[in-house]
Amino acid sequence: MESICGANCENCGYGKNNNCKGCKATGGCPFGRQCFIAKYILTGGKESYEAFKKQLIDEINNINIEGMPKISDLTALNGSFVNLSYPMPNGENVKLLIDNDTYLGTQVECEFNTEDNIRCFGVVANMDFILISEYGPNGDNPELIIYKKR
């Protein structure tokens, strides 16, 4: 399997388990939906995509969330890996992402972690929004920190 953006398709358990043919073979639709990263690269080129990604990283770092270290890179991720269910004030749990979409994201450990309390920040973004959450091991007890339209 080959990707348009350079992502290592061999690391994607979702694709392996769902007979994914890869981004190049599907014209930028590896999970049955148009990947915004592939579309960006096919339209504007790899350099334009890298400039977009740098701008996105700068936007995320400028949010300045206490305890969240600065991020230096974002990786292409399938939505099924990062689509956590967040508790809402009305008691319902809500997923905000689409499992078959592709996002840019990363995970960083909270700077205030102790031996007894390990928390991580999850960052997920695309052309339209930035989502930052905090959660425990294996995505336990997720808390939505920010969902910001771009």
Protein backbone atom coordinates (compact mmCIF):
# COMPACT_ATOMS: atom_id res chain seq x y z
CA MET A 1 0.00 0.00 0.00
CA GLU A 2 1.25 3.46 -0.84
CA SER A 3 0.18 6.84 0.45
CA ILE A 4 0.21 10.21 -1.24
CA CYS A 5 1.35 12.09 1.88
CA GLY A 6 4.14 9.73 2.86
CA ALA A 7 2.33 8.12 5.81
CA ASN A 8 3.45 4.58 6.56
CA CYS A 9 0.40 2.51 5.65
CA GLU A 10 1.94 -0.57 7.26
CA ASN A 11 1.40 1.03 10.70
CA CYS A 12 -2.34 1.39 10.13
CA GLY A 13 -4.13 -1.50 11.78
CA TYR A 14 -7.45 -0.13 10.55
CA GLY A 15 -6.45 -0.42 6.89
CA LYS A 16 -4.97 -3.90 7.28
CA ASN A 17 -8.13 -5.17 8.94
CA ASN A 18 -10.44 -3.57 6.36
CA ASN A 19 -8.71 -4.51 3.10
CA CYS A 20 -7.53 -0.98 2.41
CA LYS A 21 -5.69 -0.67 -0.91
CA GLY A 22 -3.88 2.51 0.14
CA CYS A 23 -4.23 6.15 -0.72
CA LYS A 24 -2.53 6.10 -4.14
CA ALA A 25 -4.57 3.15 -5.42
CA THR A 26 -7.84 4.77 -4.32
CA GLY A 27 -7.13 8.27 -5.63
CA GLY A 28 -6.92 9.74 -2.14
CA CYS A 29 -9.90 7.88 -0.66
CA PRO A 30 -8.26 5.17 1.46
CA PHE A 31 -11.20 4.65 3.83
CA GLY A 32 -13.99 5.28 1.33
CA ARG A 33 -13.94 9.05 1.89
CA GLN A 34 -11.80 11.77 0.33
CA CYS A 35 -8.69 12.37 2.45
CA PHE A 36 -8.16 16.12 2.87
CA ILE A 37 -4.39 15.60 3.04
CA ALA A 38 -4.27 13.80 -0.30
CA LYS A 39 -6.56 16.40 -1.86
CA TYR A 40 -4.34 19.20 -0.53
CA ILE A 41 -1.20 17.58 -1.96
CA LEU A 42 -2.79 16.71 -5.31
CA THR A 43 -4.10 20.28 -5.66
CA GLY A 44 -1.25 22.40 -4.30
CA GLY A 45 1.75 20.10 -4.05
CA LYS A 46 3.75 18.65 -1.17
CA GLU A 47 5.42 22.01 -0.34
CA SER A 48 2.04 23.70 0.03
CA TYR A 49 0.86 20.88 2.31
CA GLU A 50 3.99 21.17 4.49
CA ALA A 51 3.39 24.95 4.80
CA PHE A 52 -0.23 24.25 5.82
CA LYS A 53 0.92 21.71 8.41
CA LYS A 54 3.45 24.17 9.87
CA GLN A 55 0.76 26.85 10.11
CA LEU A 56 -1.56 24.37 11.83
CA ILE A 57 1.15 23.41 14.34
CA ASP A 58 1.74 27.11 15.08
CA GLU A 59 -2.01 27.65 15.63
CA ILE A 60 -2.15 24.69 18.03
CA ASN A 61 0.92 25.83 19.98
CA ASN A 62 -0.49 29.38 20.24
CA ILE A 63 -3.54 28.07 22.11
CA ASN A 64 -1.25 27.69 25.18
CA ILE A 65 -3.00 25.01 27.21
CA GLU A 66 -1.51 24.69 30.69
CA GLY A 67 0.49 21.48 31.05
CA MET A 68 0.55 20.73 27.32
CA PRO A 69 4.03 20.80 25.79
CA LYS A 70 4.57 22.41 22.41
CA ILE A 71 4.06 20.01 19.54
CA SER A 72 6.50 19.69 16.67
CA ASP A 73 4.76 17.36 14.23
CA LEU A 74 1.38 16.02 13.22
CA THR A 75 0.74 12.58 11.74
CA ALA A 76 -2.02 11.39 9.43
CA LEU A 77 -4.49 9.35 11.50
CA ASN A 78 -7.65 7.42 10.72
CA GLY A 79 -10.64 8.77 12.64
CA SER A 80 -11.40 5.39 14.22
CA PHE A 81 -8.17 5.69 16.25
CA VAL A 82 -8.93 9.12 17.68
CA ASN A 83 -12.73 9.34 17.80
CA LEU A 84 -13.23 9.35 21.56
CA SER A 85 -16.63 9.64 23.21
CA TYR A 86 -16.76 12.81 25.32
CA PRO A 87 -19.14 13.33 28.24
CA MET A 88 -21.37 16.37 27.76
CA PRO A 89 -22.97 18.53 30.48
CA ASN A 90 -26.37 16.94 29.79
CA GLY A 91 -24.97 13.50 30.70
CA GLU A 92 -24.77 12.17 27.14
CA ASN A 93 -21.55 10.96 25.52
CA VAL A 94 -20.79 12.32 22.07
CA LYS A 95 -18.27 11.42 19.37
CA LEU A 96 -17.25 14.49 17.38
CA LEU A 97 -15.24 12.90 14.56
CA ILE A 98 -15.96 10.57 11.65
CA ASP A 99 -14.34 7.13 11.86
CA ASN A 100 -13.57 6.91 8.13
CA ASP A 101 -12.10 10.40 7.79
CA THR A 102 -8.40 11.17 7.91
CA TYR A 103 -7.09 13.75 10.37
CA LEU A 104 -3.76 15.19 11.41
CA GLY A 105 -2.94 14.52 15.03
CA THR A 106 -0.57 13.66 17.81
CA GLN A 107 -0.48 12.69 21.46
CA VAL A 108 1.74 14.30 24.10
CA GLU A 109 2.06 13.59 27.81
CA CYS A 110 0.92 16.21 30.29
CA GLU A 111 3.84 18.07 31.88
CA PHE A 112 2.24 17.67 35.33
CA ASN A 113 2.10 13.85 35.33
CA THR A 114 2.99 11.95 38.47
CA GLU A 115 3.48 8.24 39.11
CA ASP A 116 -0.14 8.03 40.30
CA ASN A 117 -1.74 10.27 37.69
CA ILE A 118 -0.83 9.85 34.02
CA ARG A 119 -2.69 12.06 31.54
CA CYS A 120 -2.13 12.76 27.86
CA PHE A 121 -3.26 15.45 25.48
CA GLY A 122 -4.67 14.35 22.15
CA VAL A 123 -4.58 16.82 19.28
CA VAL A 124 -6.72 16.23 16.18
CA ALA A 125 -7.22 18.70 13.34
CA ASN A 126 -8.13 19.16 9.72
CA MET A 127 -8.84 22.12 7.44
CA ASP A 128 -11.89 23.15 9.48
CA PHE A 129 -11.16 22.64 13.18
CA ILE A 130 -8.72 21.93 15.99
CA LEU A 131 -9.75 19.51 18.76
CA ILE A 132 -7.67 19.07 21.91
CA SER A 133 -8.60 16.62 24.63
CA GLU A 134 -7.05 15.23 27.78
CA TYR A 135 -7.35 11.60 28.83
CA GLY A 136 -5.80 8.80 30.84
CA PRO A 137 -4.15 5.57 29.68
CA ASN A 138 -5.83 3.97 26.65
CA GLY A 139 -8.06 7.03 26.18
CA ASP A 140 -9.80 6.51 29.54
CA ASN A 141 -11.88 9.34 31.01
CA PRO A 142 -11.54 11.76 28.09
CA GLU A 143 -12.21 15.43 28.65
CA LEU A 144 -12.76 17.83 25.77
CA ILE A 145 -10.46 20.81 26.31
CA ILE A 146 -11.14 22.77 23.14
CA TYR A 147 -12.98 22.39 19.86
CA LYS A 148 -12.13 25.39 17.76
CA LYS A 149 -13.24 26.18 14.24
CA ARG A 150 -10.41 27.41 12.07
